Amino acid sequence: MGFSAGGSLAGLAGTRYGDPVANPVDDIDHLSARPAFQALIYGAPFTGRRKASAPLTKDTPPVFLAAGGNDTYFDDYSEAYSALVEAGVDAELHIYSGIPHGFGLQASNPPGVAGWLNLFRDWLLSQGMLQRN
């Protein structure tokens, strides 16, 4: 999960997990680095500005995308969602009208965007990443 620039890094982790470790030092360096899921929140998804760092494939981890409609990365998110779906990746996209970059978990968030964390939790449940008590 990553926010803003961290969203870009999380996207890289979700597309470049198969790259070999340049100088492995122990057995852990030979294990899979594939994330179970990606949550890219208002950052440039993948490498940003519409270019994936590695091909999106059906093996790309599931992705939860959330961004504000007034964010400069808004177009990147709609394009990333389309590319993910085209590649056969399970993806969910939420764009919040009138919301700028950096909404996070602030108490001052408007009601619409304030519920994004609940949507993310529900998505994790639907992906089998969480279980209800």
Protein backbone atom coordinates (compact mmCIF):
# COMPACT_ATOMS: atom_id res chain seq x y z
CA MET A 1 0.00 0.00 0.00
CA GLY A 2 1.33 3.41 -0.88
CA PHE A 3 0.20 7.01 -0.87
CA SER A 4 1.37 9.67 -3.34
CA ALA A 5 5.03 8.90 -4.23
CA GLY A 6 4.66 5.74 -2.12
CA GLY A 7 1.80 4.72 -4.42
CA SER A 8 4.26 4.85 -7.31
CA LEU A 9 6.69 2.67 -5.36
CA ALA A 10 3.96 0.19 -4.42
CA GLY A 11 3.04 0.00 -8.11
CA LEU A 12 6.66 -0.77 -8.97
CA ALA A 13 6.69 -3.54 -6.35
CA GLY A 14 3.57 -5.00 -7.95
CA THR A 15 5.01 -5.06 -11.47
CA ARG A 16 8.72 -5.77 -10.91
CA TYR A 17 8.55 -8.48 -8.25
CA GLY A 18 10.06 -11.01 -10.65
CA ASP A 19 13.30 -9.11 -11.16
CA PRO A 20 16.19 -11.15 -9.77
CA VAL A 21 18.24 -9.85 -6.84
CA ALA A 22 21.50 -8.54 -8.31
CA ASN A 23 23.76 -9.92 -5.57
CA PRO A 24 21.90 -12.57 -3.55
CA VAL A 25 23.38 -13.19 -0.10
CA ASP A 26 21.05 -15.87 1.30
CA ASP A 27 18.09 -18.11 0.48
CA ILE A 28 15.56 -15.33 1.13
CA ASP A 29 16.89 -13.49 -1.90
CA HIS A 30 15.56 -16.36 -4.02
CA LEU A 31 11.98 -16.27 -2.66
CA SER A 32 9.12 -14.61 -4.52
CA ALA A 33 8.70 -10.91 -3.82
CA ARG A 34 5.20 -10.81 -5.37
CA PRO A 35 2.82 -8.78 -3.18
CA ALA A 36 -0.55 -10.34 -2.36
CA PHE A 37 -2.26 -7.10 -3.45
CA GLN A 38 -1.60 -3.47 -4.25
CA ALA A 39 -3.35 -0.39 -2.88
CA LEU A 40 -2.28 2.68 -4.84
CA ILE A 41 -3.72 5.80 -3.25
CA TYR A 42 -3.40 9.14 -5.11
CA GLY A 43 0.02 8.57 -6.59
CA ALA A 44 1.20 7.98 -10.11
CA PRO A 45 0.31 4.30 -10.55
CA PHE A 46 3.18 2.07 -11.66
CA THR A 47 5.90 4.47 -12.89
CA GLY A 48 3.43 7.25 -13.43
CA ARG A 49 2.57 9.40 -16.36
CA ARG A 50 0.97 6.48 -18.18
CA LYS A 51 3.94 4.09 -18.45
CA ALA A 52 4.05 0.76 -16.67
CA SER A 53 7.47 -0.24 -15.38
CA ALA A 54 6.91 -3.80 -16.52
CA PRO A 55 4.16 -5.39 -18.57
CA LEU A 56 0.86 -5.81 -16.76
CA THR A 57 -0.14 -9.46 -16.94
CA LYS A 58 -2.83 -11.67 -15.42
CA ASP A 59 -0.21 -12.46 -12.73
CA THR A 60 -0.04 -8.82 -11.59
CA PRO A 61 -1.43 -8.72 -8.03
CA PRO A 62 -4.99 -7.39 -7.56
CA VAL A 63 -5.12 -3.60 -7.33
CA PHE A 64 -7.23 -1.13 -5.34
CA LEU A 65 -6.96 2.40 -6.78
CA ALA A 66 -8.25 5.59 -5.14
CA ALA A 67 -7.70 9.20 -6.19
CA GLY A 68 -9.31 12.60 -6.09
CA GLY A 69 -11.03 13.98 -9.16
CA ASN A 70 -9.09 17.24 -8.76
CA ASP A 71 -5.73 15.46 -8.52
CA THR A 72 -3.22 15.90 -11.34
CA TYR A 73 -2.89 12.09 -11.43
CA PHE A 74 -6.61 11.54 -12.05
CA ASP A 75 -6.10 10.61 -15.72
CA ASP A 76 -3.32 8.16 -14.78
CA TYR A 77 -5.76 6.28 -12.56
CA SER A 78 -8.46 5.84 -15.17
CA GLU A 79 -5.86 4.74 -17.72
CA ALA A 80 -4.20 2.38 -15.21
CA TYR A 81 -7.57 0.82 -14.38
CA SER A 82 -8.31 0.22 -18.07
CA ALA A 83 -4.86 -1.31 -18.63
CA LEU A 84 -5.25 -3.57 -15.58
CA VAL A 85 -8.66 -4.83 -16.69
CA GLU A 86 -7.37 -5.38 -20.22
CA ALA A 87 -4.48 -7.46 -18.79
CA GLY A 88 -6.93 -9.58 -16.76
CA VAL A 89 -5.98 -8.13 -13.38
CA ASP A 90 -8.67 -7.85 -10.70
CA ALA A 91 -8.87 -4.11 -10.06
CA GLU A 92 -11.17 -1.65 -8.34
CA LEU A 93 -11.13 2.12 -8.94
CA HIS A 94 -12.55 4.96 -6.84
CA ILE A 95 -12.39 8.58 -8.00
CA TYR A 96 -13.73 11.19 -5.57
CA SER A 97 -15.30 14.23 -7.24
CA GLY A 98 -13.88 17.59 -6.21
CA ILE A 99 -11.16 16.05 -4.05
CA PRO A 100 -7.52 17.14 -4.49
CA HIS A 101 -4.30 15.19 -3.96
CA GLY A 102 -3.46 14.08 -0.42
CA PHE A 103 -6.81 13.32 1.25
CA GLY A 104 -5.42 10.47 3.39
CA LEU A 105 -7.24 9.64 6.64
CA GLN A 106 -7.93 13.20 7.76
CA ALA A 107 -10.85 13.88 10.10
CA SER A 108 -11.63 16.91 7.94
CA ASN A 109 -12.31 14.82 4.81
CA PRO A 110 -15.72 15.40 3.20
CA PRO A 111 -18.20 12.52 3.76
CA GLY A 112 -17.77 10.98 0.29
CA VAL A 113 -14.03 10.47 0.49
CA ALA A 114 -14.06 9.76 4.24
CA GLY A 115 -15.41 6.28 3.51
CA TRP A 116 -12.58 5.16 1.25
CA LEU A 117 -10.96 3.11 4.01
CA ASN A 118 -14.21 1.15 4.48
CA LEU A 119 -14.30 0.46 0.74
CA PHE A 120 -10.69 -0.72 0.92
CA ARG A 121 -11.52 -3.04 3.83
CA ASP A 122 -14.50 -4.43 1.91
CA TRP A 123 -12.27 -4.99 -1.11
CA LEU A 124 -9.72 -6.86 1.04
CA LEU A 125 -12.56 -9.02 2.36
CA SER A 126 -13.75 -9.76 -1.17
CA GLN A 127 -10.21 -10.70 -2.18
CA GLY A 128 -9.95 -13.15 0.73
CA MET A 129 -7.18 -11.09 2.36
CA LEU A 130 -9.24 -10.50 5.50
CA GLN A 131 -11.87 -12.49 7.35
CA ARG A 132 -14.90 -11.20 9.24
CA ASN A 133 -15.01 -12.05 12.94
